[in-house]
Amino acid sequence: MIILANEQDIPALVGLWEEAFDEDELVRDFYDKAFMEMSVLIVKNEQRIVSMLHYMPCRYEEGGVVHKGVYLYA
C-alpha cells in the first residue's frame, strides 16, 4: 500500500533511514525540522514501512520564467 506519511510515522521513517544509510541521530533533527516542508510517500507491508520517497517543492528561474518542480530523494 502506497500512502502519504504523517507525523506519527516519523519514528518508523527515522528507523528505516538509519537502517538503510547507517547514519546517526542527525536524521532525527532532519525530520523534526523539515517534515512540515516536505511530503513523504511510504510503502507499507503489514503495517511496517518498507520504502519511502521524499519530495520537497522547489522552483528555479530561467530567462525570467519561474518553473515549479519537486526535489526527490531517499
N, C-alpha and C. Protein backbone atom coordinates (compact mmCIF):
# COMPACT_ATOMS: atom_id res chain seq x y z
N MET A 1 0.84 -1.16 0.00
CA MET A 1 0.00 0.00 0.00
C MET A 1 0.90 1.24 0.00
N ILE A 2 0.68 2.15 -0.92
CA ILE A 2 1.43 3.41 -1.00
C ILE A 2 0.55 4.52 -0.46
N ILE A 3 1.05 5.21 0.56
CA ILE A 3 0.28 6.29 1.19
C ILE A 3 1.22 7.44 1.53
N LEU A 4 0.62 8.56 1.90
CA LEU A 4 1.36 9.73 2.33
C LEU A 4 1.64 9.61 3.82
N ALA A 5 2.88 9.78 4.23
CA ALA A 5 3.25 9.67 5.63
C ALA A 5 2.68 10.84 6.44
N ASN A 6 2.51 10.60 7.73
CA ASN A 6 2.09 11.66 8.63
C ASN A 6 3.07 11.71 9.82
N GLU A 7 2.84 12.64 10.72
CA GLU A 7 3.79 12.83 11.82
C GLU A 7 3.94 11.58 12.69
N GLN A 8 2.91 10.77 12.80
CA GLN A 8 3.02 9.55 13.60
C GLN A 8 3.97 8.53 12.98
N ASP A 9 4.28 8.68 11.70
CA ASP A 9 5.20 7.77 11.01
C ASP A 9 6.67 8.14 11.21
N ILE A 10 6.94 9.30 11.79
CA ILE A 10 8.33 9.77 11.90
C ILE A 10 9.25 8.76 12.58
N PRO A 11 8.89 8.16 13.72
CA PRO A 11 9.81 7.19 14.32
C PRO A 11 10.16 6.03 13.38
N ALA A 12 9.19 5.54 12.62
CA ALA A 12 9.47 4.46 11.68
C ALA A 12 10.31 4.95 10.50
N LEU A 13 10.09 6.19 10.06
CA LEU A 13 10.90 6.75 8.98
C LEU A 13 12.35 6.90 9.42
N VAL A 14 12.54 7.38 10.64
CA VAL A 14 13.89 7.53 11.18
C VAL A 14 14.57 6.16 11.25
N GLY A 15 13.85 5.16 11.74
CA GLY A 15 14.42 3.81 11.84
C GLY A 15 14.81 3.24 10.49
N LEU A 16 13.95 3.42 9.49
CA LEU A 16 14.25 2.92 8.15
C LEU A 16 15.45 3.66 7.56
N TRP A 17 15.50 4.98 7.74
CA TRP A 17 16.63 5.78 7.24
C TRP A 17 17.93 5.30 7.87
N GLU A 18 17.92 5.13 9.20
CA GLU A 18 19.13 4.70 9.89
C GLU A 18 19.56 3.31 9.42
N GLU A 19 18.60 2.43 9.18
CA GLU A 19 18.91 1.08 8.69
C GLU A 19 19.51 1.12 7.28
N ALA A 20 18.93 1.94 6.42
CA ALA A 20 19.36 1.99 5.02
C ALA A 20 20.68 2.74 4.83
N PHE A 21 20.87 3.83 5.57
CA PHE A 21 22.01 4.70 5.33
C PHE A 21 23.05 4.69 6.45
N ASP A 22 22.80 3.95 7.50
CA ASP A 22 23.74 3.82 8.62
C ASP A 22 24.18 5.19 9.14
N GLU A 23 23.21 6.08 9.36
CA GLU A 23 23.51 7.41 9.87
C GLU A 23 23.06 7.53 11.31
N ASP A 24 23.59 8.52 12.00
CA ASP A 24 23.29 8.70 13.41
C ASP A 24 22.04 9.54 13.62
N GLU A 25 21.93 10.11 14.81
CA GLU A 25 20.70 10.81 15.18
C GLU A 25 20.49 12.13 14.45
N LEU A 26 21.40 12.56 13.60
CA LEU A 26 21.16 13.77 12.82
C LEU A 26 19.90 13.65 11.98
N VAL A 27 19.56 12.46 11.58
CA VAL A 27 18.36 12.26 10.79
C VAL A 27 17.11 12.61 11.61
N ARG A 28 17.16 12.42 12.91
CA ARG A 28 16.02 12.80 13.77
C ARG A 28 15.82 14.32 13.71
N ASP A 29 16.90 15.08 13.75
CA ASP A 29 16.79 16.53 13.62
C ASP A 29 16.22 16.92 12.26
N PHE A 30 16.65 16.22 11.22
CA PHE A 30 16.15 16.48 9.87
C PHE A 30 14.63 16.36 9.84
N TYR A 31 14.10 15.27 10.37
CA TYR A 31 12.64 15.09 10.36
C TYR A 31 11.94 16.09 11.25
N ASP A 32 12.51 16.42 12.39
CA ASP A 32 11.89 17.40 13.28
C ASP A 32 11.78 18.77 12.62
N LYS A 33 12.80 19.14 11.85
CA LYS A 33 12.83 20.48 11.26
C LYS A 33 12.19 20.56 9.88
N ALA A 34 12.25 19.48 9.11
CA ALA A 34 11.84 19.57 7.71
C ALA A 34 10.54 18.86 7.37
N PHE A 35 9.98 18.09 8.28
CA PHE A 35 8.83 17.27 7.92
C PHE A 35 7.66 18.09 7.41
N MET A 36 7.39 19.24 7.97
CA MET A 36 6.25 20.05 7.56
C MET A 36 6.47 20.71 6.19
N GLU A 37 7.71 20.75 5.71
CA GLU A 37 8.00 21.39 4.43
C GLU A 37 8.11 20.39 3.28
N MET A 38 7.95 19.12 3.58
CA MET A 38 8.09 18.11 2.54
C MET A 38 6.95 17.10 2.64
N SER A 39 6.87 16.26 1.66
CA SER A 39 5.93 15.15 1.68
C SER A 39 6.73 13.86 1.56
N VAL A 40 6.24 12.82 2.18
CA VAL A 40 6.91 11.54 2.13
C VAL A 40 5.90 10.47 1.74
N LEU A 41 6.14 9.85 0.60
CA LEU A 41 5.33 8.70 0.22
C LEU A 41 5.97 7.47 0.83
N ILE A 42 5.15 6.60 1.41
CA ILE A 42 5.68 5.39 2.02
C ILE A 42 4.98 4.17 1.47
N VAL A 43 5.68 3.06 1.49
CA VAL A 43 5.10 1.77 1.13
C VAL A 43 5.04 0.97 2.41
N LYS A 44 3.83 0.52 2.76
CA LYS A 44 3.65 -0.28 3.97
C LYS A 44 3.35 -1.72 3.59
N ASN A 45 3.97 -2.62 4.31
CA ASN A 45 3.75 -4.05 4.13
C ASN A 45 3.42 -4.61 5.51
N GLU A 46 2.17 -4.97 5.72
CA GLU A 46 1.72 -5.48 7.02
C GLU A 46 2.04 -4.50 8.15
N GLN A 47 1.69 -3.24 7.97
CA GLN A 47 1.85 -2.18 8.96
C GLN A 47 3.30 -1.76 9.20
N ARG A 48 4.25 -2.25 8.43
CA ARG A 48 5.65 -1.84 8.56
C ARG A 48 6.04 -1.04 7.32
N ILE A 49 6.72 0.09 7.51
CA ILE A 49 7.18 0.88 6.38
C ILE A 49 8.40 0.17 5.79
N VAL A 50 8.32 -0.14 4.50
CA VAL A 50 9.42 -0.86 3.84
C VAL A 50 10.11 -0.01 2.78
N SER A 51 9.54 1.14 2.44
CA SER A 51 10.15 2.00 1.44
C SER A 51 9.60 3.42 1.63
N MET A 52 10.40 4.40 1.21
CA MET A 52 9.95 5.79 1.31
C MET A 52 10.56 6.63 0.19
N LEU A 53 9.84 7.67 -0.18
CA LEU A 53 10.30 8.62 -1.19
C LEU A 53 9.95 10.01 -0.67
N HIS A 54 10.95 10.84 -0.49
CA HIS A 54 10.76 12.20 -0.02
C HIS A 54 10.67 13.14 -1.22
N TYR A 55 9.79 14.13 -1.13
CA TYR A 55 9.79 15.16 -2.16
C TYR A 55 9.43 16.51 -1.54
N MET A 56 10.21 17.50 -1.96
CA MET A 56 10.04 18.86 -1.46
C MET A 56 9.76 19.78 -2.64
N PRO A 57 8.81 20.69 -2.46
CA PRO A 57 8.55 21.67 -3.52
C PRO A 57 9.78 22.53 -3.76
N CYS A 58 10.05 22.84 -4.99
CA CYS A 58 11.14 23.74 -5.32
C CYS A 58 10.78 24.51 -6.58
N ARG A 59 11.62 25.45 -6.92
CA ARG A 59 11.42 26.20 -8.17
C ARG A 59 12.75 26.73 -8.63
N TYR A 60 12.82 27.00 -9.90
CA TYR A 60 14.03 27.63 -10.44
C TYR A 60 13.60 28.62 -11.50
N GLU A 61 14.48 29.58 -11.74
CA GLU A 61 14.18 30.63 -12.71
C GLU A 61 15.15 30.54 -13.86
N GLU A 62 14.60 30.62 -15.05
CA GLU A 62 15.41 30.58 -16.26
C GLU A 62 14.84 31.58 -17.25
N GLY A 63 15.66 32.53 -17.63
CA GLY A 63 15.22 33.54 -18.60
C GLY A 63 14.03 34.34 -18.11
N GLY A 64 13.97 34.58 -16.81
CA GLY A 64 12.86 35.36 -16.26
C GLY A 64 11.59 34.56 -16.02
N VAL A 65 11.61 33.28 -16.33
CA VAL A 65 10.43 32.42 -16.14
C VAL A 65 10.68 31.51 -14.95
N VAL A 66 9.72 31.47 -14.02
CA VAL A 66 9.83 30.61 -12.84
C VAL A 66 9.18 29.26 -13.15
N HIS A 67 9.95 28.20 -12.91
CA HIS A 67 9.46 26.84 -13.13
C HIS A 67 9.29 26.17 -11.77
N LYS A 68 8.13 25.56 -11.55
CA LYS A 68 7.91 24.81 -10.31
C LYS A 68 8.28 23.37 -10.51
N GLY A 69 8.70 22.73 -9.43
CA GLY A 69 9.05 21.32 -9.50
C GLY A 69 9.12 20.72 -8.12
N VAL A 70 9.64 19.53 -8.05
CA VAL A 70 9.87 18.88 -6.75
C VAL A 70 11.27 18.26 -6.76
N TYR A 71 11.86 18.23 -5.58
CA TYR A 71 13.16 17.62 -5.38
C TYR A 71 12.93 16.25 -4.76
N LEU A 72 13.36 15.20 -5.45
CA LEU A 72 13.16 13.82 -4.98
C LEU A 72 14.44 13.29 -4.37
N TYR A 73 14.32 12.55 -3.25
CA TYR A 73 15.48 11.90 -2.66
C TYR A 73 15.04 10.78 -1.72
N ALA A 74 15.99 9.94 -1.39
CA ALA A 74 15.82 8.82 -0.45
C ALA A 74 14.59 8.02 -0.77
